[in-house]
Amino acid sequence: MTDPALSTLFLMILLTVKHLVADFALQSRYILDNRRVYGHPAGILHVGIHLAGTLIALVLVGTPPALVAAMLAVEGLLHYHLDWAKDNLVLKLGLTYERRGYWILLGADQMCHHLTYIGLAAWWYLAA
């Protein structure tokens, strides 16, 4: 794909599919039970799964290596801390999936992840 606008749209689609796979299909009980512990290998593993998918997406749209590295660093830091903060807030507020607040917080968390992808795609477009 040579049109930067179409490539940016393709990147957004890839990141959205990656998010579904990494955040839902590949997330284990081990990850879910331990992400709230800062620095725990489970949270790092979860982010690593996301970054592997993002790496594939960025390579597929022809991203230069230096930009790939920078984008992975930004996404990794944001994703880790968003999940850590959400998980700790869920625990602190005693939220469970039966409570409306849990779903609001989950939705806000997912929105923040997708806003991150929009930011990455915009950055990619401006660098193209």
Protein backbone atom coordinates (compact mmCIF):
# COMPACT_ATOMS: atom_id res chain seq x y z
CA MET A 1 0.00 0.00 0.00
CA THR A 2 1.49 3.32 -1.01
CA ASP A 3 -1.30 5.73 -0.05
CA PRO A 4 -0.45 6.98 3.48
CA ALA A 5 -4.12 7.51 4.38
CA LEU A 6 -5.06 3.94 3.39
CA SER A 7 -1.97 2.57 5.12
CA THR A 8 -2.93 4.48 8.28
CA LEU A 9 -6.44 3.03 8.14
CA PHE A 10 -4.96 -0.44 7.63
CA LEU A 11 -2.70 0.13 10.64
CA MET A 12 -5.72 1.06 12.78
CA ILE A 13 -7.53 -2.09 11.67
CA LEU A 14 -4.48 -4.21 12.50
CA LEU A 15 -4.11 -2.59 15.94
CA THR A 16 -7.80 -3.11 16.68
CA VAL A 17 -7.67 -6.80 15.75
CA LYS A 18 -4.42 -7.15 17.72
CA HIS A 19 -6.11 -5.64 20.75
CA LEU A 20 -8.98 -8.12 20.60
CA VAL A 21 -6.56 -11.06 20.39
CA ALA A 22 -4.11 -9.82 23.04
CA ASP A 23 -6.60 -8.41 25.55
CA PHE A 24 -9.23 -11.13 25.31
CA ALA A 25 -8.17 -14.30 23.48
CA LEU A 26 -4.63 -14.52 24.90
CA GLN A 27 -5.18 -13.13 28.39
CA SER A 28 -4.86 -15.87 30.99
CA ARG A 29 -6.03 -16.17 34.58
CA TYR A 30 -2.38 -15.77 35.63
CA ILE A 31 -2.20 -12.41 33.89
CA LEU A 32 -5.58 -11.23 35.19
CA ASP A 33 -4.75 -12.23 38.77
CA ASN A 34 -1.35 -10.51 38.87
CA ARG A 35 -1.36 -7.41 36.64
CA ARG A 36 -2.20 -5.18 39.59
CA VAL A 37 1.11 -6.03 41.30
CA TYR A 38 3.55 -3.42 39.99
CA GLY A 39 6.46 -5.06 38.18
CA HIS A 40 4.95 -8.57 38.32
CA PRO A 41 5.99 -10.74 35.36
CA ALA A 42 2.30 -11.26 34.46
CA GLY A 43 1.81 -7.59 33.62
CA ILE A 44 5.05 -7.55 31.67
CA LEU A 45 3.99 -10.70 29.80
CA HIS A 46 0.64 -9.11 28.95
CA VAL A 47 2.32 -6.01 27.55
CA GLY A 48 4.83 -8.20 25.69
CA ILE A 49 1.95 -9.98 23.95
CA HIS A 50 0.51 -6.61 22.93
CA LEU A 51 3.86 -5.34 21.71
CA ALA A 52 4.45 -8.46 19.62
CA GLY A 53 1.17 -7.78 17.84
CA THR A 54 1.96 -4.11 17.40
CA LEU A 55 5.38 -4.99 16.01
CA ILE A 56 3.74 -7.19 13.38
CA ALA A 57 1.27 -4.43 12.49
CA LEU A 58 3.99 -1.80 12.19
CA VAL A 59 6.17 -4.04 10.03
CA LEU A 60 3.23 -4.82 7.74
CA VAL A 61 2.77 -1.10 7.02
CA GLY A 62 6.48 -0.57 6.38
CA THR A 63 7.47 1.39 9.48
CA PRO A 64 11.15 2.35 9.79
CA PRO A 65 12.95 0.52 12.65
CA ALA A 66 13.64 3.63 14.75
CA LEU A 67 9.96 4.61 14.63
CA VAL A 68 8.95 1.03 15.50
CA ALA A 69 11.17 1.15 18.59
CA ALA A 70 9.80 4.50 19.72
CA MET A 71 6.18 3.47 19.19
CA LEU A 72 6.65 0.17 21.02
CA ALA A 73 8.19 2.00 23.98
CA VAL A 74 5.29 4.46 24.16
CA GLU A 75 2.62 1.79 23.79
CA GLY A 76 4.33 -0.48 26.31
CA LEU A 77 4.52 2.20 28.99
CA LEU A 78 0.97 3.38 28.40
CA HIS A 79 -0.59 -0.07 28.20
CA TYR A 80 1.16 -1.35 31.31
CA HIS A 81 0.20 1.63 33.44
CA LEU A 82 -3.39 1.83 32.17
CA ASP A 83 -4.00 -1.82 33.07
CA TRP A 84 -2.19 -1.52 36.39
CA ALA A 85 -4.19 1.57 37.37
CA LYS A 86 -7.52 0.07 36.28
CA ASP A 87 -6.89 -3.21 38.09
CA ASN A 88 -5.94 -1.39 41.29
CA LEU A 89 -8.96 0.89 41.09
CA VAL A 90 -11.25 -2.12 40.59
CA LEU A 91 -9.70 -3.70 43.69
CA LYS A 92 -9.82 -0.52 45.78
CA LEU A 93 -13.49 0.11 44.91
CA GLY A 94 -14.43 -3.55 45.37
CA LEU A 95 -15.90 -3.73 41.89
CA THR A 96 -17.01 -7.01 40.33
CA TYR A 97 -18.57 -7.71 36.97
CA GLU A 98 -22.02 -7.59 38.59
CA ARG A 99 -21.60 -3.87 39.35
CA ARG A 100 -22.15 -1.09 36.86
CA GLY A 101 -18.96 0.69 37.96
CA TYR A 102 -16.87 -2.27 36.83
CA TRP A 103 -18.20 -2.02 33.30
CA ILE A 104 -17.78 1.75 33.19
CA LEU A 105 -14.17 1.37 34.31
CA LEU A 106 -13.55 -1.45 31.83
CA GLY A 107 -15.04 0.67 29.05
CA ALA A 108 -12.88 3.65 30.02
CA ASP A 109 -9.80 1.40 30.04
CA GLN A 110 -10.61 0.06 26.58
CA MET A 111 -11.27 3.57 25.29
CA CYS A 112 -7.85 4.69 26.55
CA HIS A 113 -6.17 1.78 24.76
CA HIS A 114 -7.93 2.63 21.52
CA LEU A 115 -7.05 6.31 21.89
CA THR A 116 -3.45 5.15 22.22
CA TYR A 117 -3.80 3.35 18.88
CA ILE A 118 -5.30 6.45 17.28
CA GLY A 119 -2.32 8.42 18.59
CA LEU A 120 0.13 5.83 17.23
CA ALA A 121 -1.61 5.83 13.85
CA ALA A 122 -1.55 9.65 13.71
CA TRP A 123 2.14 9.62 14.62
CA TRP A 124 2.76 7.02 11.91
CA TYR A 125 0.83 9.09 9.34
CA LEU A 126 2.76 12.26 10.17
CA ALA A 127 6.06 10.37 9.92
CA ALA A 128 5.12 8.72 6.57
